[in-house]
Each structure stands twice: as structure tokens, then as C-alpha cells.
Amino acid sequence: VFQCPEPEKSMKVPEEEKNKAQMLRETIIRTMNEALTKPAEIAKQQMSKRCQDLASFMESLMEEVPKTDEELRLEIHDPDHSYYERDSVMLGGISPHHD
């Protein structure tokens, strides 16, 4: 479609056919260009939406009332303060910590 016509054949083709072929070439090129830009535009729109969603989420976090120290305090109960058993490792039944 995009190859230059051979000189001897171009003389036999009427002007109307040449114009029709040129219009078809232009239509094909335009269609190919549109097909390539559409996915990029869609991706751009999706990224824009994600950015807006992220901005909304960040704004909602900033608007929340900060919690008081009492609400943030976490109680940890550890009745056994010895980590001896948990930290020792038995390899092949021999350990420097056990007899």
C-alpha cells in the first residue's frame, strides 16, 4: 500500500484511482496514529484518577483529629522477663546452654 508505484504502471492508472489510493493511504495512517494514542490517553486518565484518589485519601488523613496519648498507649503484658528459653537454639541436641 505504501510502496511507490512503478513508473510504467502509474501511467495506466486514471487520476481518479490515484486520488482514491492517496485518500486510502491517509486514512490508514490516521487510523494507525489514533490507535497508538488511545491507549496512552486512557493510561493518562487512569493515572490522573489515581492521583486524585491518593490526594483525597491524604486529605482525609490530614483532617482526622489526632488521637490523644491515652488512646495511643499500648499495654504489653510479659509475665516472664526471661528470654533464655526462647533465645537458645538446639542444634543436633547439643547446646552450650543445656546439660
PDB file of N, CA and C in Angstrom:
ATOM      1  N   VAL A   1       0.827  -1.190   0.000  1.00  0.00           N
ATOM      2  CA  VAL A   1       0.000   0.000   0.000  1.00  0.00           C
ATOM      3  C   VAL A   1       0.871   1.252   0.000  1.00  0.00           C
ATOM      4  N   PHE A   2       2.007   1.208   0.751  1.00  0.00           N
ATOM      5  CA  PHE A   2       2.827   2.398   0.908  1.00  0.00           C
ATOM      6  C   PHE A   2       4.019   2.447  -0.045  1.00  0.00           C
ATOM      7  N   GLN A   3       4.164   1.436  -0.869  1.00  0.00           N
ATOM      8  CA  GLN A   3       5.267   1.450  -1.826  1.00  0.00           C
ATOM      9  C   GLN A   3       4.954   2.416  -2.959  1.00  0.00           C
ATOM     10  N   CYS A   4       5.995   3.030  -3.472  1.00  0.00           N
ATOM     11  CA  CYS A   4       5.818   3.919  -4.627  1.00  0.00           C
ATOM     12  C   CYS A   4       5.460   3.068  -5.837  1.00  0.00           C
ATOM     13  N   PRO A   5       4.501   3.516  -6.618  1.00  0.00           N
ATOM     14  CA  PRO A   5       4.120   2.729  -7.797  1.00  0.00           C
ATOM     15  C   PRO A   5       5.226   2.769  -8.849  1.00  0.00           C
ATOM     16  N   GLU A   6       5.279   1.705  -9.619  1.00  0.00           N
ATOM     17  CA  GLU A   6       6.265   1.640 -10.693  1.00  0.00           C
ATOM     18  C   GLU A   6       5.867   2.643 -11.780  1.00  0.00           C
ATOM     19  N   PRO A   7       6.848   3.303 -12.403  1.00  0.00           N
ATOM     20  CA  PRO A   7       6.545   4.367 -13.385  1.00  0.00           C
ATOM     21  C   PRO A   7       5.681   3.907 -14.557  1.00  0.00           C
ATOM     22  N   GLU A   8       5.930   2.707 -15.086  1.00  0.00           N
ATOM     23  CA  GLU A   8       5.147   2.273 -16.248  1.00  0.00           C
ATOM     24  C   GLU A   8       3.702   1.951 -15.877  1.00  0.00           C
ATOM     25  N   LYS A   9       3.456   1.517 -14.631  1.00  0.00           N
ATOM     26  CA  LYS A   9       2.093   1.208 -14.212  1.00  0.00           C
ATOM     27  C   LYS A   9       1.325   2.479 -13.864  1.00  0.00           C
ATOM     28  N   SER A  10       2.015   3.492 -13.373  1.00  0.00           N
ATOM     29  CA  SER A  10       1.325   4.707 -12.953  1.00  0.00           C
ATOM     30  C   SER A  10       0.716   5.457 -14.137  1.00  0.00           C
ATOM     31  N   MET A  11       1.257   5.264 -15.305  1.00  0.00           N
ATOM     32  CA  MET A  11       0.708   5.933 -16.487  1.00  0.00           C
ATOM     33  C   MET A  11      -0.636   5.342 -16.876  1.00  0.00           C
ATOM     34  N   LYS A  12      -0.842   4.083 -16.563  1.00  0.00           N
ATOM     35  CA  LYS A  12      -2.067   3.398 -16.954  1.00  0.00           C
ATOM     36  C   LYS A  12      -3.214   3.658 -15.973  1.00  0.00           C
ATOM     37  N   VAL A  13      -2.904   4.134 -14.757  1.00  0.00           N
ATOM     38  CA  VAL A  13      -3.925   4.331 -13.729  1.00  0.00           C
ATOM     39  C   VAL A  13      -4.556   5.713 -13.903  1.00  0.00           C
ATOM     40  N   PRO A  14      -5.876   5.768 -13.959  1.00  0.00           N
ATOM     41  CA  PRO A  14      -6.537   7.068 -14.101  1.00  0.00           C
ATOM     42  C   PRO A  14      -6.330   7.947 -12.855  1.00  0.00           C
ATOM     43  N   GLU A  15      -6.457   9.229 -13.025  1.00  0.00           N
ATOM     44  CA  GLU A  15      -6.241  10.197 -11.941  1.00  0.00           C
ATOM     45  C   GLU A  15      -7.185   9.938 -10.761  1.00  0.00           C
ATOM     46  N   GLU A  16      -8.391   9.532 -11.069  1.00  0.00           N
ATOM     47  CA  GLU A  16      -9.376   9.244 -10.016  1.00  0.00           C
ATOM     48  C   GLU A  16      -8.895   8.106  -9.110  1.00  0.00           C
ATOM     49  N   GLU A  17      -8.317   7.084  -9.707  1.00  0.00           N
ATOM     50  CA  GLU A  17      -7.788   5.953  -8.938  1.00  0.00           C
ATOM     51  C   GLU A  17      -6.606   6.390  -8.071  1.00  0.00           C
ATOM     52  N   LYS A  18      -5.754   7.263  -8.611  1.00  0.00           N
ATOM     53  CA  LYS A  18      -4.611   7.755  -7.836  1.00  0.00           C
ATOM     54  C   LYS A  18      -5.091   8.528  -6.606  1.00  0.00           C
ATOM     55  N   ASN A  19      -6.103   9.373  -6.813  1.00  0.00           N
ATOM     56  CA  ASN A  19      -6.649  10.149  -5.695  1.00  0.00           C
ATOM     57  C   ASN A  19      -7.275   9.237  -4.642  1.00  0.00           C
ATOM     58  N   LYS A  20      -7.987   8.220  -5.116  1.00  0.00           N
ATOM     59  CA  LYS A  20      -8.624   7.275  -4.196  1.00  0.00           C
ATOM     60  C   LYS A  20      -7.560   6.535  -3.383  1.00  0.00           C
ATOM     61  N   ALA A  21      -6.490   6.108  -4.041  1.00  0.00           N
ATOM     62  CA  ALA A  21      -5.403   5.399  -3.353  1.00  0.00           C
ATOM     63  C   ALA A  21      -4.732   6.306  -2.321  1.00  0.00           C
ATOM     64  N   GLN A  22      -4.531   7.569  -2.682  1.00  0.00           N
ATOM     65  CA  GLN A  22      -3.907   8.512  -1.753  1.00  0.00           C
ATOM     66  C   GLN A  22      -4.802   8.739  -0.530  1.00  0.00           C
ATOM     67  N   MET A  23      -6.104   8.859  -0.745  1.00  0.00           N
ATOM     68  CA  MET A  23      -7.037   9.041   0.376  1.00  0.00           C
ATOM     69  C   MET A  23      -7.023   7.822   1.293  1.00  0.00           C
ATOM     70  N   LEU A  24      -6.964   6.633   0.681  1.00  0.00           N
ATOM     71  CA  LEU A  24      -6.913   5.413   1.489  1.00  0.00           C
ATOM     72  C   LEU A  24      -5.628   5.361   2.316  1.00  0.00           C
ATOM     73  N   ARG A  25      -4.501   5.752   1.723  1.00  0.00           N
ATOM     74  CA  ARG A  25      -3.233   5.789   2.463  1.00  0.00           C
ATOM     75  C   ARG A  25      -3.345   6.728   3.665  1.00  0.00           C
ATOM     76  N   GLU A  26      -3.894   7.909   3.418  1.00  0.00           N
ATOM     77  CA  GLU A  26      -4.034   8.888   4.500  1.00  0.00           C
ATOM     78  C   GLU A  26      -4.955   8.372   5.602  1.00  0.00           C
ATOM     79  N   THR A  27      -6.026   7.695   5.208  1.00  0.00           N
ATOM     80  CA  THR A  27      -6.952   7.130   6.192  1.00  0.00           C
ATOM     81  C   THR A  27      -6.260   6.055   7.028  1.00  0.00           C
ATOM     82  N   ILE A  28      -5.487   5.214   6.375  1.00  0.00           N
ATOM     83  CA  ILE A  28      -4.759   4.159   7.093  1.00  0.00           C
ATOM     84  C   ILE A  28      -3.776   4.775   8.080  1.00  0.00           C
ATOM     85  N   ILE A  29      -3.029   5.768   7.642  1.00  0.00           N
ATOM     86  CA  ILE A  29      -2.046   6.411   8.525  1.00  0.00           C
ATOM     87  C   ILE A  29      -2.751   7.078   9.707  1.00  0.00           C
ATOM     88  N   ARG A  30      -3.857   7.779   9.453  1.00  0.00           N
ATOM     89  CA  ARG A  30      -4.606   8.438  10.517  1.00  0.00           C
ATOM     90  C   ARG A  30      -5.130   7.408  11.526  1.00  0.00           C
ATOM     91  N   THR A  31      -5.666   6.299  11.019  1.00  0.00           N
ATOM     92  CA  THR A  31      -6.183   5.245  11.897  1.00  0.00           C
ATOM     93  C   THR A  31      -5.067   4.648  12.752  1.00  0.00           C
ATOM     94  N   MET A  32      -3.918   4.422  12.148  1.00  0.00           N
ATOM     95  CA  MET A  32      -2.786   3.868  12.905  1.00  0.00           C
ATOM     96  C   MET A  32      -2.336   4.837  13.993  1.00  0.00           C
ATOM     97  N   ASN A  33      -2.295   6.117  13.694  1.00  0.00           N
ATOM     98  CA  ASN A  33      -1.891   7.108  14.689  1.00  0.00           C
ATOM     99  C   ASN A  33      -2.902   7.205  15.825  1.00  0.00           C
ATOM    100  N   GLU A  34      -4.193   7.150  15.505  1.00  0.00           N
ATOM    101  CA  GLU A  34      -5.228   7.210  16.536  1.00  0.00           C
ATOM    102  C   GLU A  34      -5.168   5.977  17.427  1.00  0.00           C
ATOM    103  N   ALA A  35      -4.947   4.821  16.832  1.00  0.00           N
ATOM    104  CA  ALA A  35      -4.897   3.579  17.606  1.00  0.00           C
ATOM    105  C   ALA A  35      -3.744   3.611  18.600  1.00  0.00           C
ATOM    106  N   LEU A  36      -2.643   4.254  18.244  1.00  0.00           N
ATOM    107  CA  LEU A  36      -1.498   4.315  19.152  1.00  0.00           C
ATOM    108  C   LEU A  36      -1.717   5.311  20.280  1.00  0.00           C
ATOM    109  N   THR A  37      -2.419   6.393  20.030  1.00  0.00           N
ATOM    110  CA  THR A  37      -2.582   7.413  21.065  1.00  0.00           C
ATOM    111  C   THR A  37      -3.699   7.082  22.044  1.00  0.00           C
ATOM    112  N   LYS A  38      -4.682   6.288  21.647  1.00  0.00           N
ATOM    113  CA  LYS A  38      -5.794   5.989  22.551  1.00  0.00           C
ATOM    114  C   LYS A  38      -5.344   5.270  23.818  1.00  0.00           C
ATOM    115  N   PRO A  39      -4.534   4.205  23.745  1.00  0.00           N
ATOM    116  CA  PRO A  39      -4.095   3.570  24.992  1.00  0.00           C
ATOM    117  C   PRO A  39      -3.306   4.532  25.883  1.00  0.00           C
ATOM    118  N   ALA A  40      -2.516   5.398  25.285  1.00  0.00           N
ATOM    119  CA  ALA A  40      -1.744   6.355  26.080  1.00  0.00           C
ATOM    120  C   ALA A  40      -2.678   7.336  26.782  1.00  0.00           C
ATOM    121  N   GLU A  41      -3.722   7.770  26.092  1.00  0.00           N
ATOM    122  CA  GLU A  41      -4.684   8.685  26.707  1.00  0.00           C
ATOM    123  C   GLU A  41      -5.434   8.004  27.843  1.00  0.00           C
ATOM    124  N   ILE A  42      -5.814   6.749  27.640  1.00  0.00           N
ATOM    125  CA  ILE A  42      -6.518   6.004  28.687  1.00  0.00           C
ATOM    126  C   ILE A  42      -5.620   5.838  29.904  1.00  0.00           C
ATOM    127  N   ALA A  43      -4.364   5.485  29.680  1.00  0.00           N
ATOM    128  CA  ALA A  43      -3.420   5.331  30.792  1.00  0.00           C
ATOM    129  C   ALA A  43      -3.229   6.658  31.521  1.00  0.00           C
ATOM    130  N   LYS A  44      -3.187   7.737  30.774  1.00  0.00           N
ATOM    131  CA  LYS A  44      -3.033   9.069  31.374  1.00  0.00           C
ATOM    132  C   LYS A  44      -4.243   9.395  32.251  1.00  0.00           C
ATOM    133  N   GLN A  45      -5.446   9.076  31.772  1.00  0.00           N
ATOM    134  CA  GLN A  45      -6.662   9.323  32.545  1.00  0.00           C
ATOM    135  C   GLN A  45      -6.683   8.475  33.811  1.00  0.00           C
ATOM    136  N   GLN A  46      -6.276   7.205  33.691  1.00  0.00           N
ATOM    137  CA  GLN A  46      -6.249   6.332  34.863  1.00  0.00           C
ATOM    138  C   GLN A  46      -5.254   6.843  35.892  1.00  0.00           C
ATOM    139  N   MET A  47      -4.085   7.299  35.448  1.00  0.00           N
ATOM    140  CA  MET A  47      -3.082   7.823  36.365  1.00  0.00           C
ATOM    141  C   MET A  47      -3.601   9.085  37.039  1.00  0.00           C
ATOM    142  N   SER A  48      -4.278   9.922  36.284  1.00  0.00           N
ATOM    143  CA  SER A  48      -4.847  11.146  36.845  1.00  0.00           C
ATOM    144  C   SER A  48      -5.875  10.799  37.920  1.00  0.00           C
ATOM    145  N   LYS A  49      -6.711   9.794  37.659  1.00  0.00           N
ATOM    146  CA  LYS A  49      -7.717   9.373  38.646  1.00  0.00           C
ATOM    147  C   LYS A  49      -7.037   8.829  39.891  1.00  0.00           C
ATOM    148  N   ARG A  50      -5.988   8.035  39.718  1.00  0.00           N
ATOM    149  CA  ARG A  50      -5.262   7.500  40.874  1.00  0.00           C
ATOM    150  C   ARG A  50      -4.667   8.625  41.711  1.00  0.00           C
ATOM    151  N   CYS A  51      -4.104   9.626  41.039  1.00  0.00           N
ATOM    152  CA  CYS A  51      -3.525  10.764  41.762  1.00  0.00           C
ATOM    153  C   CYS A  51      -4.600  11.507  42.540  1.00  0.00           C
ATOM    154  N   GLN A  52      -5.766  11.680  41.933  1.00  0.00           N
ATOM    155  CA  GLN A  52      -6.861  12.358  42.628  1.00  0.00           C
ATOM    156  C   GLN A  52      -7.323  11.536  43.828  1.00  0.00           C
ATOM    157  N   ASP A  53      -7.437  10.220  43.658  1.00  0.00           N
ATOM    158  CA  ASP A  53      -7.837   9.355  44.768  1.00  0.00           C
ATOM    159  C   ASP A  53      -6.823   9.418  45.904  1.00  0.00           C
ATOM    160  N   LEU A  54      -5.548   9.396  45.556  1.00  0.00           N
ATOM    161  CA  LEU A  54      -4.496   9.475  46.570  1.00  0.00           C
ATOM    162  C   LEU A  54      -4.546  10.817  47.291  1.00  0.00           C
ATOM    163  N   ALA A  55      -4.744  11.895  46.552  1.00  0.00           N
ATOM    164  CA  ALA A  55      -4.831  13.221  47.164  1.00  0.00           C
ATOM    165  C   ALA A  55      -6.021  13.296  48.114  1.00  0.00           C
ATOM    166  N   SER A  56      -7.161  12.735  47.719  1.00  0.00           N
ATOM    167  CA  SER A  56      -8.341  12.725  48.591  1.00  0.00           C
ATOM    168  C   SER A  56      -8.070  11.936  49.862  1.00  0.00           C
ATOM    169  N   PHE A  57      -7.426  10.786  49.713  1.00  0.00           N
ATOM    170  CA  PHE A  57      -7.108   9.955  50.871  1.00  0.00           C
ATOM    171  C   PHE A  57      -6.169  10.685  51.822  1.00  0.00           C
ATOM    172  N   MET A  58      -5.133  11.316  51.265  1.00  0.00           N
ATOM    173  CA  MET A  58      -4.178  12.057  52.098  1.00  0.00           C
ATOM    174  C   MET A  58      -4.869  13.219  52.810  1.00  0.00           C
ATOM    175  N   GLU A  59      -5.771  13.909  52.126  1.00  0.00           N
ATOM    176  CA  GLU A  59      -6.507  14.999  52.756  1.00  0.00           C
ATOM    177  C   GLU A  59      -7.362  14.483  53.901  1.00  0.00           C
ATOM    178  N   SER A  60      -8.006  13.328  53.707  1.00  0.00           N
ATOM    179  CA  SER A  60      -8.840  12.774  54.780  1.00  0.00           C
ATOM    180  C   SER A  60      -7.982  12.399  55.984  1.00  0.00           C
ATOM    181  N   LEU A  61      -6.761  11.927  55.743  1.00  0.00           N
ATOM    182  CA  LEU A  61      -5.865  11.619  56.860  1.00  0.00           C
ATOM    183  C   LEU A  61      -5.460  12.884  57.605  1.00  0.00           C
ATOM    184  N   MET A  62      -5.214  13.942  56.863  1.00  0.00           N
ATOM    185  CA  MET A  62      -4.801  15.201  57.481  1.00  0.00           C
ATOM    186  C   MET A  62      -5.942  15.834  58.276  1.00  0.00           C
ATOM    187  N   GLU A  63      -7.182  15.605  57.851  1.00  0.00           N
ATOM    188  CA  GLU A  63      -8.332  16.206  58.523  1.00  0.00           C
ATOM    189  C   GLU A  63      -8.740  15.448  59.780  1.00  0.00           C
ATOM    190  N   GLU A  64      -8.326  14.197  59.918  1.00  0.00           N
ATOM    191  CA  GLU A  64      -8.689  13.423  61.103  1.00  0.00           C
ATOM    192  C   GLU A  64      -8.117  14.072  62.350  1.00  0.00           C
ATOM    193  N   VAL A  65      -8.891  13.983  63.444  1.00  0.00           N
ATOM    194  CA  VAL A  65      -8.437  14.530  64.719  1.00  0.00           C
ATOM    195  C   VAL A  65      -7.355  13.608  65.264  1.00  0.00           C
ATOM    196  N   PRO A  66      -6.199  14.163  65.636  1.00  0.00           N
ATOM    197  CA  PRO A  66      -5.148  13.302  66.178  1.00  0.00           C
ATOM    198  C   PRO A  66      -5.589  12.664  67.495  1.00  0.00           C
ATOM    199  N   LYS A  67      -5.184  11.444  67.710  1.00  0.00           N
ATOM    200  CA  LYS A  67      -5.561  10.716  68.922  1.00  0.00           C
ATOM    201  C   LYS A  67      -4.734  11.210  70.101  1.00  0.00           C
ATOM    202  N   THR A  68      -5.341  11.145  71.261  1.00  0.00           N
ATOM    203  CA  THR A  68      -4.634  11.572  72.470  1.00  0.00           C
ATOM    204  C   THR A  68      -3.635  10.502  72.882  1.00  0.00           C
ATOM    205  N   ASP A  69      -2.747  10.870  73.800  1.00  0.00           N
ATOM    206  CA  ASP A  69      -1.742   9.915  74.272  1.00  0.00           C
ATOM    207  C   ASP A  69      -2.388   8.700  74.920  1.00  0.00           C
ATOM    208  N   GLU A  70      -3.509   8.898  75.583  1.00  0.00           N
ATOM    209  CA  GLU A  70      -4.197   7.778  76.240  1.00  0.00           C
ATOM    210  C   GLU A  70      -4.672   6.748  75.210  1.00  0.00           C
ATOM    211  N   GLU A  71      -5.156   7.218  74.084  1.00  0.00           N
ATOM    212  CA  GLU A  71      -5.638   6.302  73.051  1.00  0.00           C
ATOM    213  C   GLU A  71      -4.492   5.580  72.359  1.00  0.00           C
ATOM    214  N   LEU A  72      -3.338   6.209  72.317  1.00  0.00           N
ATOM    215  CA  LEU A  72      -2.199   5.617  71.625  1.00  0.00           C
ATOM    216  C   LEU A  72      -1.411   4.649  72.497  1.00  0.00           C
ATOM    217  N   ARG A  73      -1.592   4.719  73.806  1.00  0.00           N
ATOM    218  CA  ARG A  73      -0.830   3.875  74.714  1.00  0.00           C
ATOM    219  C   ARG A  73      -1.203   2.406  74.507  1.00  0.00           C
ATOM    220  N   LEU A  74      -0.213   1.575  74.390  1.00  0.00           N
ATOM    221  CA  LEU A  74      -0.405   0.150  74.165  1.00  0.00           C
ATOM    222  C   LEU A  74       0.144  -0.604  75.362  1.00  0.00           C
ATOM    223  N   GLU A  75      -0.678  -1.446  75.927  1.00  0.00           N
ATOM    224  CA  GLU A  75      -0.230  -2.204  77.092  1.00  0.00           C
ATOM    225  C   GLU A  75       0.379  -3.520  76.635  1.00  0.00           C
ATOM    226  N   ILE A  76       1.572  -3.794  77.153  1.00  0.00           N
ATOM    227  CA  ILE A  76       2.267  -5.031  76.828  1.00  0.00           C
ATOM    228  C   ILE A  76       2.429  -5.818  78.117  1.00  0.00           C
ATOM    229  N   HIS A  77       1.887  -7.012  78.127  1.00  0.00           N
ATOM    230  CA  HIS A  77       1.994  -7.876  79.300  1.00  0.00           C
ATOM    231  C   HIS A  77       2.958  -9.003  78.972  1.00  0.00           C
ATOM    232  N   ASP A  78       4.060  -9.049  79.700  1.00  0.00           N
ATOM    233  CA  ASP A  78       5.044 -10.106  79.512  1.00  0.00           C
ATOM    234  C   ASP A  78       5.388 -10.646  80.897  1.00  0.00           C
ATOM    235  N   PRO A  79       4.670 -11.681  81.330  1.00  0.00           N
ATOM    236  CA  PRO A  79       4.888 -12.174  82.698  1.00  0.00           C
ATOM    237  C   PRO A  79       6.292 -12.745  82.900  1.00  0.00           C
ATOM    238  N   ASP A  80       6.876 -13.343  81.884  1.00  0.00           N
ATOM    239  CA  ASP A  80       8.202 -13.936  82.021  1.00  0.00           C
ATOM    240  C   ASP A  80       9.216 -13.019  81.350  1.00  0.00           C
ATOM    241  N   HIS A  81      10.054 -12.367  82.136  1.00  0.00           N
ATOM    242  CA  HIS A  81      11.027 -11.441  81.580  1.00  0.00           C
ATOM    243  C   HIS A  81      12.296 -12.150  81.131  1.00  0.00           C
ATOM    244  N   SER A  82      12.331 -13.456  81.288  1.00  0.00           N
ATOM    245  CA  SER A  82      13.498 -14.213  80.873  1.00  0.00           C
ATOM    246  C   SER A  82      13.284 -14.690  79.435  1.00  0.00           C
ATOM    247  N   TYR A  83      14.194 -14.344  78.581  1.00  0.00           N
ATOM    248  CA  TYR A  83      14.113 -14.764  77.186  1.00  0.00           C
ATOM    249  C   TYR A  83      15.061 -15.936  76.928  1.00  0.00           C
ATOM    250  N   TYR A  84      15.527 -16.566  78.009  1.00  0.00           N
ATOM    251  CA  TYR A  84      16.520 -17.619  77.906  1.00  0.00           C
ATOM    252  C   TYR A  84      16.025 -18.766  77.026  1.00  0.00           C
ATOM    253  N   GLU A  85      14.850 -19.293  77.305  1.00  0.00           N
ATOM    254  CA  GLU A  85      14.349 -20.447  76.566  1.00  0.00           C
ATOM    255  C   GLU A  85      14.048 -20.098  75.108  1.00  0.00           C
ATOM    256  N   ARG A  86      13.507 -18.928  74.890  1.00  0.00           N
ATOM    257  CA  ARG A  86      13.136 -18.553  73.537  1.00  0.00           C
ATOM    258  C   ARG A  86      14.371 -18.250  72.686  1.00  0.00           C
ATOM    259  N   ASP A  87      15.429 -17.699  73.299  1.00  0.00           N
ATOM    260  CA  ASP A  87      16.604 -17.286  72.549  1.00  0.00           C
ATOM    261  C   ASP A  87      17.602 -18.411  72.319  1.00  0.00           C
ATOM    262  N   SER A  88      17.561 -19.459  73.112  1.00  0.00           N
ATOM    263  CA  SER A  88      18.531 -20.535  72.923  1.00  0.00           C
ATOM    264  C   SER A  88      18.089 -21.429  71.769  1.00  0.00           C
ATOM    265  N   VAL A  89      19.072 -22.001  71.099  1.00  0.00           N
ATOM    266  CA  VAL A  89      18.799 -22.828  69.935  1.00  0.00           C
ATOM    267  C   VAL A  89      19.441 -24.181  70.163  1.00  0.00           C
ATOM    268  N   MET A  90      18.691 -25.219  69.862  1.00  0.00           N
ATOM    269  CA  MET A  90      19.226 -26.569  69.999  1.00  0.00           C
ATOM    270  C   MET A  90      19.619 -27.062  68.613  1.00  0.00           C
ATOM    271  N   LEU A  91      20.890 -27.363  68.445  1.00  0.00           N
ATOM    272  CA  LEU A  91      21.373 -27.892  67.184  1.00  0.00           C
ATOM    273  C   LEU A  91      21.873 -29.312  67.415  1.00  0.00           C
ATOM    274  N   GLY A  92      21.192 -30.259  66.827  1.00  0.00           N
ATOM    275  CA  GLY A  92      21.598 -31.651  66.954  1.00  0.00           C
ATOM    276  C   GLY A  92      21.559 -32.142  68.389  1.00  0.00           C
ATOM    277  N   GLY A  93      20.719 -31.558  69.201  1.00  0.00           N
ATOM    278  CA  GLY A  93      20.592 -31.998  70.587  1.00  0.00           C
ATOM    279  C   GLY A  93      21.688 -31.463  71.486  1.00  0.00           C
ATOM    280  N   ILE A  94      22.611 -30.669  70.959  1.00  0.00           N
ATOM    281  CA  ILE A  94      23.707 -30.131  71.763  1.00  0.00           C
ATOM    282  C   ILE A  94      23.553 -28.619  71.844  1.00  0.00           C
ATOM    283  N   SER A  95      23.616 -28.098  73.042  1.00  0.00           N
ATOM    284  CA  SER A  95      23.535 -26.658  73.229  1.00  0.00           C
ATOM    285  C   SER A  95      24.474 -26.270  74.352  1.00  0.00           C
ATOM    286  N   PRO A  96      25.175 -25.163  74.236  1.00  0.00           N
ATOM    287  CA  PRO A  96      26.046 -24.742  75.333  1.00  0.00           C
ATOM    288  C   PRO A  96      25.245 -24.292  76.556  1.00  0.00           C
ATOM    289  N   HIS A  97      23.946 -24.095  76.391  1.00  0.00           N
ATOM    290  CA  HIS A  97      23.110 -23.608  77.483  1.00  0.00           C
ATOM    291  C   HIS A  97      22.436 -24.728  78.269  1.00  0.00           C
ATOM    292  N   HIS A  98      22.436 -25.938  77.736  1.00  0.00           N
ATOM    293  CA  HIS A  98      21.769 -27.064  78.403  1.00  0.00           C
ATOM    294  C   HIS A  98      22.766 -28.186  78.650  1.00  0.00           C
ATOM    295  N   ASP A  99      22.531 -28.917  79.712  1.00  0.00           N
ATOM    296  CA  ASP A  99      23.388 -30.073  80.013  1.00  0.00           C
ATOM    297  C   ASP A  99      22.867 -31.322  79.374  1.00  0.00           C
TER     298      ASP A  99
END
